[in-house]
Amino acid sequence: MQNFKITIIGNSVALRTRPPGQSPENKNYGKLLEEDLCQKVLDKNFIVNNKATGAYTVYNVITKIDDFINTFPDYYIINIGVVDASTREIPLWFYRLASSKKDGFIFRIISFIYRGIIIKARPALVRLRGKSSWISSKKYRKYYSFLIKTLLKETNAKIIILPINQANKRVEKELPGSLKKHTIYNKIMNDISQEFSLYFADLEFLNSDEHYPDGVHYSLSGHKIVAQELSKIILKEIN
């Protein structure tokens, strides 16, 4: 039986289910996609390698690009952007320190300052920083284009791009200006997908209340729909 490999490059959106579910109701779209394809195509063994990592930006991805190349899949699913595009109350380097798993007095102090003080003033601090993103739109376009060019050159795999889930009222209240940023960065990804004749999944029909209730991560029903949309694209291609 022929193996058909799919690699997911992403952040926590490709991993988490919100609200969290208990097994077997805690599957993300990668696992659901693998199960769906295996049920529908009996002469291939579909393997989905979910290499998503929480809080990954496009820059994190390209610094680890060899790890993704080394999977040599038939398809890449790229699900990044929300970490890059959303407006932020602190610089990325400070967030990395505050969310570090390292133990030590300094790290505990930084974490306390962030979680006990900064988060409570988040909307005001976002405005004070000019509603800036961690990765500017100019750099995002440059890095994303480099990512696509490199994956195509080194693997010749097909690529499916997933858009950023548009910020809902909860996210926009905490991180004002994020909705506008998400629209801009989605257009960048759509432009690049057209430039390289890639698949750009149209998920604008998703409803935040039902499909990504925390404004970022998919619910179980959201994961199921994304898996179905991805399955349609792949089945159309291989058939």
Foldseek 3Di string as FASTA:
>chain_A
DAEAEEEEEAACQQPFAPVADDPPLTDFLQVVLQVVVCVVDVVYRYDYHYPYYHLDALVNCVVVVVVVLVVLGQEYEYYYDLLQQFQWLDAPVLVCLLPPPDDDDVSVVSVCCCVVPSQVCQQVSSVVVVLDGNHDLVRSLVSVLVSVVVSCVRRVHAYEYEAFQAADPQSCVRGPPRNVRSVSNRVSVVVSCVVVVHHYQDPPPDDCVQAPVNRGHGHSVVRNVVSVSVSVVVVVVVD
